PDB file of N, CA and C in Angstrom:
ATOM      1  N   UNK A   1      93.290 109.296  88.383  1.00  0.00           N
ATOM      2  CA  UNK A   1      94.533 108.923  89.030  1.00  0.00           C
ATOM      3  C   UNK A   1      94.412 107.507  89.587  1.00  0.00           C
ATOM      4  N   UNK A   2      95.510 106.764  89.535  1.00  0.00           N
ATOM      5  CA  UNK A   2      95.479 105.398  90.055  1.00  0.00           C
ATOM      6  C   UNK A   2      95.336 105.357  91.575  1.00  0.00           C
ATOM      7  N   UNK A   3      94.766 104.272  92.049  1.00  0.00           N
ATOM      8  CA  UNK A   3      94.701 103.999  93.482  1.00  0.00           C
ATOM      9  C   UNK A   3      95.930 103.179  93.847  1.00  0.00           C
ATOM     10  N   UNK A   4      96.622 103.589  94.894  1.00  0.00           N
ATOM     11  CA  UNK A   4      97.782 102.859  95.387  1.00  0.00           C
ATOM     12  C   UNK A   4      97.513 102.352  96.793  1.00  0.00           C
ATOM     13  N   UNK A   5      97.974 101.132  97.045  1.00  0.00           N
ATOM     14  CA  UNK A   5      97.933 100.538  98.375  1.00  0.00           C
ATOM     15  C   UNK A   5      99.371 100.474  98.865  1.00  0.00           C
ATOM     16  N   UNK A   6      99.594 100.958 100.076  1.00  0.00           N
ATOM     17  CA  UNK A   6     100.916 100.951 100.687  1.00  0.00           C
ATOM     18  C   UNK A   6     100.896 100.019 101.878  1.00  0.00           C
ATOM     19  N   UNK A   7     101.827  99.081 101.888  1.00  0.00           N
ATOM     20  CA  UNK A   7     101.955  98.119 102.975  1.00  0.00           C
ATOM     21  C   UNK A   7     103.301  98.393 103.640  1.00  0.00           C
ATOM     22  N   UNK A   8     103.263  98.754 104.906  1.00  0.00           N
ATOM     23  CA  UNK A   8     104.478  99.098 105.648  1.00  0.00           C
ATOM     24  C   UNK A   8     104.684  98.038 106.720  1.00  0.00           C
ATOM     25  N   UNK A   9     105.886  97.460 106.771  1.00  0.00           N
ATOM     26  CA  UNK A   9     106.198  96.470 107.799  1.00  0.00           C
ATOM     27  C   UNK A   9     107.393  96.960 108.615  1.00  0.00           C
ATOM     28  N   UNK A  10     107.294  96.762 109.932  1.00  0.00           N
ATOM     29  CA  UNK A  10     108.380  97.161 110.826  1.00  0.00           C
ATOM     30  C   UNK A  10     108.285  96.356 112.113  1.00  0.00           C
ATOM     31  N   UNK A  11     109.343  95.648 112.430  1.00  0.00           N
ATOM     32  CA  UNK A  11     109.441  94.868 113.670  1.00  0.00           C
ATOM     33  C   UNK A  11     108.220  93.974 113.893  1.00  0.00           C
ATOM     34  N   UNK A  12     107.795  93.285 112.842  1.00  0.00           N
ATOM     35  CA  UNK A  12     106.701  92.328 112.944  1.00  0.00           C
ATOM     36  C   UNK A  12     105.306  92.909 112.854  1.00  0.00           C
ATOM     37  N   UNK A  13     105.178  94.217 112.754  1.00  0.00           N
ATOM     38  CA  UNK A  13     103.861  94.865 112.643  1.00  0.00           C
ATOM     39  C   UNK A  13     103.666  95.356 111.207  1.00  0.00           C
ATOM     40  N   UNK A  14     102.404  95.495 110.824  1.00  0.00           N
ATOM     41  CA  UNK A  14     102.056  95.920 109.469  1.00  0.00           C
ATOM     42  C   UNK A  14     101.032  97.039 109.526  1.00  0.00           C
ATOM     43  N   UNK A  15     101.214  98.027 108.658  1.00  0.00           N
ATOM     44  CA  UNK A  15     100.270  99.135 108.506  1.00  0.00           C
ATOM     45  C   UNK A  15      99.944  99.250 107.023  1.00  0.00           C
ATOM     46  N   UNK A  16      98.670  99.425 106.691  1.00  0.00           N
ATOM     47  CA  UNK A  16      98.233  99.526 105.297  1.00  0.00           C
ATOM     48  C   UNK A  16      97.498 100.847 105.101  1.00  0.00           C
ATOM     49  N   UNK A  17      97.818 101.533 104.015  1.00  0.00           N
ATOM     50  CA  UNK A  17      97.159 102.797 103.672  1.00  0.00           C
ATOM     51  C   UNK A  17      96.846 102.806 102.183  1.00  0.00           C
ATOM     52  N   UNK A  18      95.877 103.606 101.780  1.00  0.00           N
ATOM     53  CA  UNK A  18      95.523 103.746 100.369  1.00  0.00           C
ATOM     54  C   UNK A  18      95.252 105.207 100.044  1.00  0.00           C
ATOM     55  N   UNK A  19      95.528 105.560  98.783  1.00  0.00           N
ATOM     56  CA  UNK A  19      95.185 106.892  98.301  1.00  0.00           C
ATOM     57  C   UNK A  19      95.355 106.923  96.792  1.00  0.00           C
ATOM     58  N   UNK A  20      94.676 107.851  96.158  1.00  0.00           N
ATOM     59  CA  UNK A  20      94.820 108.058  94.718  1.00  0.00           C
ATOM     60  C   UNK A  20      95.824 109.179  94.497  1.00  0.00           C
ATOM     61  N   UNK A  21      96.841 108.886  93.733  1.00  0.00           N
ATOM     62  CA  UNK A  21      97.892 109.856  93.412  1.00  0.00           C
ATOM     63  C   UNK A  21      98.305 109.649  91.959  1.00  0.00           C
ATOM     64  N   UNK A  22      98.995 110.636  91.404  1.00  0.00           N
ATOM     65  CA  UNK A  22      99.442 110.518  90.017  1.00  0.00           C
ATOM     66  C   UNK A  22     100.529 109.458  89.867  1.00  0.00           C
ATOM     67  N   UNK A  23     101.311 109.218  90.933  1.00  0.00           N
ATOM     68  CA  UNK A  23     102.302 108.140  90.928  1.00  0.00           C
ATOM     69  C   UNK A  23     102.555 107.706  92.367  1.00  0.00           C
ATOM     70  N   UNK A  24     103.171 106.551  92.531  1.00  0.00           N
ATOM     71  CA  UNK A  24     103.312 105.972  93.875  1.00  0.00           C
ATOM     72  C   UNK A  24     104.242 106.773  94.773  1.00  0.00           C
ATOM     73  N   UNK A  25     105.062 107.644  94.220  1.00  0.00           N
ATOM     74  CA  UNK A  25     105.960 108.463  95.035  1.00  0.00           C
ATOM     75  C   UNK A  25     105.227 109.630  95.704  1.00  0.00           C
ATOM     76  N   UNK A  26     104.014 109.936  95.252  1.00  0.00           N
ATOM     77  CA  UNK A  26     103.280 111.090  95.755  1.00  0.00           C
ATOM     78  C   UNK A  26     102.583 110.876  97.082  1.00  0.00           C
ATOM     79  N   UNK A  27     102.827 109.758  97.706  1.00  0.00           N
ATOM     80  CA  UNK A  27     102.082 109.384  98.903  1.00  0.00           C
ATOM     81  C   UNK A  27     103.016 109.161 100.089  1.00  0.00           C
ATOM     82  N   UNK A  28     104.233 109.673 100.004  1.00  0.00           N
ATOM     83  CA  UNK A  28     105.239 109.411 101.031  1.00  0.00           C
ATOM     84  C   UNK A  28     104.770 109.833 102.420  1.00  0.00           C
ATOM     85  N   UNK A  29     104.103 110.958 102.535  1.00  0.00           N
ATOM     86  CA  UNK A  29     103.702 111.433 103.867  1.00  0.00           C
ATOM     87  C   UNK A  29     102.741 110.477 104.561  1.00  0.00           C
ATOM     88  N   UNK A  30     101.923 109.754 103.798  1.00  0.00           N
ATOM     89  CA  UNK A  30     100.946 108.851 104.411  1.00  0.00           C
ATOM     90  C   UNK A  30     101.590 107.651 105.082  1.00  0.00           C
ATOM     91  N   UNK A  31     102.729 107.216 104.589  1.00  0.00           N
ATOM     92  CA  UNK A  31     103.375 106.076 105.244  1.00  0.00           C
ATOM     93  C   UNK A  31     104.599 106.492 106.053  1.00  0.00           C
ATOM     94  N   UNK A  32     104.944 107.763 106.031  1.00  0.00           N
ATOM     95  CA  UNK A  32     106.115 108.169 106.808  1.00  0.00           C
ATOM     96  C   UNK A  32     105.759 109.049 108.007  1.00  0.00           C
ATOM     97  N   UNK A  33     104.922 110.045 107.826  1.00  0.00           N
ATOM     98  CA  UNK A  33     104.644 110.960 108.933  1.00  0.00           C
ATOM     99  C   UNK A  33     103.209 110.895 109.440  1.00  0.00           C
ATOM    100  N   UNK A  34     102.338 110.214 108.713  1.00  0.00           N
ATOM    101  CA  UNK A  34     100.932 110.171 109.112  1.00  0.00           C
ATOM    102  C   UNK A  34     100.486 108.795 109.611  1.00  0.00           C
ATOM    103  N   UNK A  35     101.447 107.953 109.991  1.00  0.00           N
ATOM    104  CA  UNK A  35     101.105 106.637 110.536  1.00  0.00           C
ATOM    105  C   UNK A  35     100.403 106.856 111.874  1.00  0.00           C
ATOM    106  N   UNK A  36      99.195 106.319 112.047  1.00  0.00           N
ATOM    107  CA  UNK A  36      98.483 106.519 113.317  1.00  0.00           C
ATOM    108  C   UNK A  36      99.273 105.962 114.505  1.00  0.00           C
ATOM    109  N   UNK A  37      99.186 106.644 115.616  1.00  0.00           N
ATOM    110  CA  UNK A  37      99.871 106.206 116.833  1.00  0.00           C
ATOM    111  C   UNK A  37      99.435 104.785 117.172  1.00  0.00           C
ATOM    112  N   UNK A  38     100.409 103.916 117.411  1.00  0.00           N
ATOM    113  CA  UNK A  38     100.128 102.536 117.766  1.00  0.00           C
ATOM    114  C   UNK A  38      99.994 101.595 116.583  1.00  0.00           C
ATOM    115  N   UNK A  39      99.940 102.119 115.354  1.00  0.00           N
ATOM    116  CA  UNK A  39      99.797 101.252 114.179  1.00  0.00           C
ATOM    117  C   UNK A  39     101.033 100.384 113.970  1.00  0.00           C
ATOM    118  N   UNK A  40     102.189 100.927 114.271  1.00  0.00           N
ATOM    119  CA  UNK A  40     103.450 100.183 114.229  1.00  0.00           C
ATOM    120  C   UNK A  40     104.091 100.349 115.606  1.00  0.00           C
ATOM    121  N   UNK A  41     103.803  99.441 116.543  1.00  0.00           N
ATOM    122  CA  UNK A  41     104.236  99.621 117.934  1.00  0.00           C
ATOM    123  C   UNK A  41     105.728  99.885 118.122  1.00  0.00           C
ATOM    124  N   UNK A  42     106.580  99.340 117.272  1.00  0.00           N
ATOM    125  CA  UNK A  42     108.021  99.559 117.413  1.00  0.00           C
ATOM    126  C   UNK A  42     108.486 100.912 116.914  1.00  0.00           C
ATOM    127  N   UNK A  43     107.597 101.658 116.283  1.00  0.00           N
ATOM    128  CA  UNK A  43     107.951 102.962 115.727  1.00  0.00           C
ATOM    129  C   UNK A  43     107.758 104.036 116.801  1.00  0.00           C
ATOM    130  N   UNK A  44     108.796 104.246 117.578  1.00  0.00           N
ATOM    131  CA  UNK A  44     108.755 105.239 118.655  1.00  0.00           C
ATOM    132  C   UNK A  44     108.712 106.649 118.054  1.00  0.00           C
ATOM    133  N   UNK A  45     108.368 107.653 118.846  1.00  0.00           N
ATOM    134  CA  UNK A  45     108.391 109.028 118.320  1.00  0.00           C
ATOM    135  C   UNK A  45     109.752 109.414 117.726  1.00  0.00           C
ATOM    136  N   UNK A  46     110.832 108.990 118.356  1.00  0.00           N
ATOM    137  CA  UNK A  46     112.167 109.308 117.833  1.00  0.00           C
ATOM    138  C   UNK A  46     112.399 108.630 116.485  1.00  0.00           C
ATOM    139  N   UNK A  47     111.965 107.368 116.361  1.00  0.00           N
ATOM    140  CA  UNK A  47     112.130 106.662 115.087  1.00  0.00           C
ATOM    141  C   UNK A  47     111.205 107.230 114.018  1.00  0.00           C
ATOM    142  N   UNK A  48     110.027 107.690 114.415  1.00  0.00           N
ATOM    143  CA  UNK A  48     109.115 108.308 113.446  1.00  0.00           C
ATOM    144  C   UNK A  48     109.733 109.602 112.898  1.00  0.00           C
ATOM    145  N   UNK A  49     110.406 110.357 113.743  1.00  0.00           N
ATOM    146  CA  UNK A  49     111.107 111.563 113.291  1.00  0.00           C
ATOM    147  C   UNK A  49     112.222 111.193 112.321  1.00  0.00           C
ATOM    148  N   UNK A  50     112.970 110.144 112.662  1.00  0.00           N
ATOM    149  CA  UNK A  50     114.042 109.668 111.785  1.00  0.00           C
ATOM    150  C   UNK A  50     113.465 109.200 110.451  1.00  0.00           C
ATOM    151  N   UNK A  51     112.341 108.502 110.490  1.00  0.00           N
ATOM    152  CA  UNK A  51     111.688 108.041 109.265  1.00  0.00           C
ATOM    153  C   UNK A  51     111.293 109.224 108.385  1.00  0.00           C
ATOM    154  N   UNK A  52     110.760 110.268 109.000  1.00  0.00           N
ATOM    155  CA  UNK A  52     110.379 111.454 108.241  1.00  0.00           C
ATOM    156  C   UNK A  52     111.547 112.049 107.475  1.00  0.00           C
ATOM    157  N   UNK A  53     112.739 111.948 108.028  1.00  0.00           N
ATOM    158  CA  UNK A  53     113.939 112.467 107.362  1.00  0.00           C
ATOM    159  C   UNK A  53     114.431 111.524 106.268  1.00  0.00           C
ATOM    160  N   UNK A  54     114.314 110.216 106.495  1.00  0.00           N
ATOM    161  CA  UNK A  54     114.857 109.237 105.553  1.00  0.00           C
ATOM    162  C   UNK A  54     113.880 108.839 104.445  1.00  0.00           C
ATOM    163  N   UNK A  55     112.605 109.119 104.613  1.00  0.00           N
ATOM    164  CA  UNK A  55     111.586 108.645 103.671  1.00  0.00           C
ATOM    165  C   UNK A  55     111.802 109.151 102.251  1.00  0.00           C
ATOM    166  N   UNK A  56     112.340 110.348 102.117  1.00  0.00           N
ATOM    167  CA  UNK A  56     112.517 110.948 100.796  1.00  0.00           C
ATOM    168  C   UNK A  56     113.872 110.624 100.170  1.00  0.00           C
ATOM    169  N   UNK A  57     114.720 109.886 100.887  1.00  0.00           N
ATOM    170  CA  UNK A  57     116.042 109.522 100.388  1.00  0.00           C
ATOM    171  C   UNK A  57     115.956 108.159  99.711  1.00  0.00           C
ATOM    172  N   UNK A  58     116.583 108.024  98.569  1.00  0.00           N
ATOM    173  CA  UNK A  58     116.586 106.749  97.863  1.00  0.00           C
ATOM    174  C   UNK A  58     115.330 106.560  97.032  1.00  0.00           C
ATOM    175  N   UNK A  59     115.370 105.557  96.203  1.00  0.00           N
ATOM    176  CA  UNK A  59     114.285 105.291  95.262  1.00  0.00           C
ATOM    177  C   UNK A  59     113.575 103.979  95.580  1.00  0.00           C
ATOM    178  N   UNK A  60     112.327 103.902  95.192  1.00  0.00           N
ATOM    179  CA  UNK A  60     111.614 102.634  95.196  1.00  0.00           C
ATOM    180  C   UNK A  60     112.176 101.774  94.071  1.00  0.00           C
ATOM    181  N   UNK A  61     112.211 100.472  94.285  1.00  0.00           N
ATOM    182  CA  UNK A  61     112.676  99.524  93.277  1.00  0.00           C
ATOM    183  C   UNK A  61     111.510  98.640  92.863  1.00  0.00           C
ATOM    184  N   UNK A  62     111.454  98.241  91.580  1.00  0.00           N
ATOM    185  CA  UNK A  62     110.393  97.317  91.182  1.00  0.00           C
ATOM    186  C   UNK A  62     110.599  95.964  91.868  1.00  0.00           C
ATOM    187  N   UNK A  63     109.517  95.355  92.303  1.00  0.00           N
ATOM    188  CA  UNK A  63     109.591  94.027  92.903  1.00  0.00           C
ATOM    189  C   UNK A  63     109.746  93.024  91.761  1.00  0.00           C
ATOM    190  N   UNK A  64     110.796  92.208  91.769  1.00  0.00           N
ATOM    191  CA  UNK A  64     111.033  91.283  90.661  1.00  0.00           C
ATOM    192  C   UNK A  64     109.837  90.360  90.403  1.00  0.00           C
ATOM    193  N   UNK A  65     109.566  90.144  89.138  1.00  0.00           N
ATOM    194  CA  UNK A  65     108.520  89.221  88.673  1.00  0.00           C
ATOM    195  C   UNK A  65     107.110  89.646  89.061  1.00  0.00           C
ATOM    196  N   UNK A  66     106.906  90.938  89.330  1.00  0.00           N
ATOM    197  CA  UNK A  66     105.575  91.451  89.658  1.00  0.00           C
ATOM    198  C   UNK A  66     105.333  92.722  88.859  1.00  0.00           C
ATOM    199  N   UNK A  67     104.090  92.934  88.458  1.00  0.00           N
ATOM    200  CA  UNK A  67     103.726  94.148  87.738  1.00  0.00           C
ATOM    201  C   UNK A  67     103.102  95.142  88.711  1.00  0.00           C
ATOM    202  N   UNK A  68     103.455  96.396  88.557  1.00  0.00           N
ATOM    203  CA  UNK A  68     102.859  97.485  89.332  1.00  0.00           C
ATOM    204  C   UNK A  68     103.086  97.347  90.839  1.00  0.00           C
ATOM    205  N   UNK A  69     104.247  96.796  91.219  1.00  0.00           N
ATOM    206  CA  UNK A  69     104.605  96.664  92.635  1.00  0.00           C
ATOM    207  C   UNK A  69     106.045  97.148  92.811  1.00  0.00           C
ATOM    208  N   UNK A  70     106.254  98.058  93.767  1.00  0.00           N
ATOM    209  CA  UNK A  70     107.569  98.610  94.060  1.00  0.00           C
ATOM    210  C   UNK A  70     107.805  98.485  95.558  1.00  0.00           C
ATOM    211  N   UNK A  71     109.062  98.550  95.959  1.00  0.00           N
ATOM    212  CA  UNK A  71     109.362  98.485  97.389  1.00  0.00           C
ATOM    213  C   UNK A  71     110.557  99.372  97.722  1.00  0.00           C
ATOM    214  N   UNK A  72     110.647  99.679  98.985  1.00  0.00           N
ATOM    215  CA  UNK A  72     111.744 100.487  99.507  1.00  0.00           C
ATOM    216  C   UNK A  72     111.983 100.040 100.941  1.00  0.00           C
ATOM    217  N   UNK A  73     113.236  99.892 101.324  1.00  0.00           N
ATOM    218  CA  UNK A  73     113.567  99.514 102.692  1.00  0.00           C
ATOM    219  C   UNK A  73     114.424 100.616 103.309  1.00  0.00           C
ATOM    220  N   UNK A  74     114.083 100.985 104.535  1.00  0.00           N
ATOM    221  CA  UNK A  74     114.769 102.063 105.245  1.00  0.00           C
ATOM    222  C   UNK A  74     115.265 101.506 106.575  1.00  0.00           C
ATOM    223  N   UNK A  75     116.538 101.718 106.871  1.00  0.00           N
ATOM    224  CA  UNK A  75     117.095 101.268 108.144  1.00  0.00           C
ATOM    225  C   UNK A  75     116.742 102.272 109.238  1.00  0.00           C
ATOM    226  N   UNK A  76     116.068 101.775 110.262  1.00  0.00           N
ATOM    227  CA  UNK A  76     115.740 102.600 111.427  1.00  0.00           C
ATOM    228  C   UNK A  76     116.331 101.942 112.660  1.00  0.00           C
ATOM    229  N   UNK A  77     117.417 102.488 113.146  1.00  0.00           N
ATOM    230  CA  UNK A  77     118.069 101.992 114.357  1.00  0.00           C
ATOM    231  C   UNK A  77     118.391 100.500 114.258  1.00  0.00           C
ATOM    232  N   UNK A  78     118.860 100.078 113.069  1.00  0.00           N
ATOM    233  CA  UNK A  78     119.262  98.689 112.870  1.00  0.00           C
ATOM    234  C   UNK A  78     118.159  97.739 112.454  1.00  0.00           C
ATOM    235  N   UNK A  79     116.939  98.211 112.320  1.00  0.00           N
ATOM    236  CA  UNK A  79     115.815  97.373 111.887  1.00  0.00           C
ATOM    237  C   UNK A  79     115.254  97.919 110.577  1.00  0.00           C
ATOM    238  N   UNK A  80     114.931  97.022 109.627  1.00  0.00           N
ATOM    239  CA  UNK A  80     114.391  97.506 108.355  1.00  0.00           C
ATOM    240  C   UNK A  80     112.908  97.853 108.453  1.00  0.00           C
ATOM    241  N   UNK A  81     112.548  99.006 107.929  1.00  0.00           N
ATOM    242  CA  UNK A  81     111.155  99.363 107.703  1.00  0.00           C
ATOM    243  C   UNK A  81     110.976  99.233 106.197  1.00  0.00           C
ATOM    244  N   UNK A  82     110.078  98.361 105.767  1.00  0.00           N
ATOM    245  CA  UNK A  82     109.888  98.115 104.342  1.00  0.00           C
ATOM    246  C   UNK A  82     108.520  98.605 103.917  1.00  0.00           C
ATOM    247  N   UNK A  83     108.498  99.315 102.797  1.00  0.00           N
ATOM    248  CA  UNK A  83     107.263  99.852 102.230  1.00  0.00           C
ATOM    249  C   UNK A  83     107.059  99.213 100.868  1.00  0.00           C
ATOM    250  N   UNK A  84     105.884  98.635 100.660  1.00  0.00           N
ATOM    251  CA  UNK A  84     105.494  98.105  99.354  1.00  0.00           C
ATOM    252  C   UNK A  84     104.413  99.016  98.799  1.00  0.00           C
ATOM    253  N   UNK A  85     104.586  99.453  97.571  1.00  0.00           N
ATOM    254  CA  UNK A  85     103.593 100.282  96.888  1.00  0.00           C
ATOM    255  C   UNK A  85     102.991  99.435  95.773  1.00  0.00           C
ATOM    256  N   UNK A  86     101.669  99.266  95.805  1.00  0.00           N
ATOM    257  CA  UNK A  86     100.976  98.428  94.830  1.00  0.00           C
ATOM    258  C   UNK A  86      99.958  99.286  94.093  1.00  0.00           C
ATOM    259  N   UNK A  87     100.092  99.352  92.771  1.00  0.00           N
ATOM    260  CA  UNK A  87      99.067 100.045  91.992  1.00  0.00           C
ATOM    261  C   UNK A  87      97.858  99.127  91.959  1.00  0.00           C
ATOM    262  N   UNK A  88      96.825  99.504  92.704  1.00  0.00           N
ATOM    263  CA  UNK A  88      95.673  98.650  92.934  1.00  0.00           C
ATOM    264  C   UNK A  88      94.620  98.811  91.852  1.00  0.00           C
ATOM    265  N   UNK A  89      94.530 100.006  91.272  1.00  0.00           N
ATOM    266  CA  UNK A  89      93.480 100.298  90.305  1.00  0.00           C
ATOM    267  C   UNK A  89      93.964 101.418  89.402  1.00  0.00           C
ATOM    268  N   UNK A  90      93.501 101.397  88.161  1.00  0.00           N
ATOM    269  CA  UNK A  90      93.854 102.488  87.225  1.00  0.00           C
ATOM    270  C   UNK A  90      92.828 103.569  87.300  1.00  0.00           C
TER     271      UNK A  90
END
């Protein structure tokens, strides 16, 4: 299975996670509900709950002019939380 790197940005903070999955969609829980406390300071418990509900809605889009890179942006209380999924290794 490929190794994927997930880069999550929210309100100026960044969180990075990695895991091997059959596809980049199989790792949603790691960047939505398993973010360590304090990793994204603007992600309050209420916003983390909201993220858990919105994480499975909508599709990742390919990042233009890049191979094996997808992204998804989720609105949380008026601020974008953006997730980049990078296929790091085959």
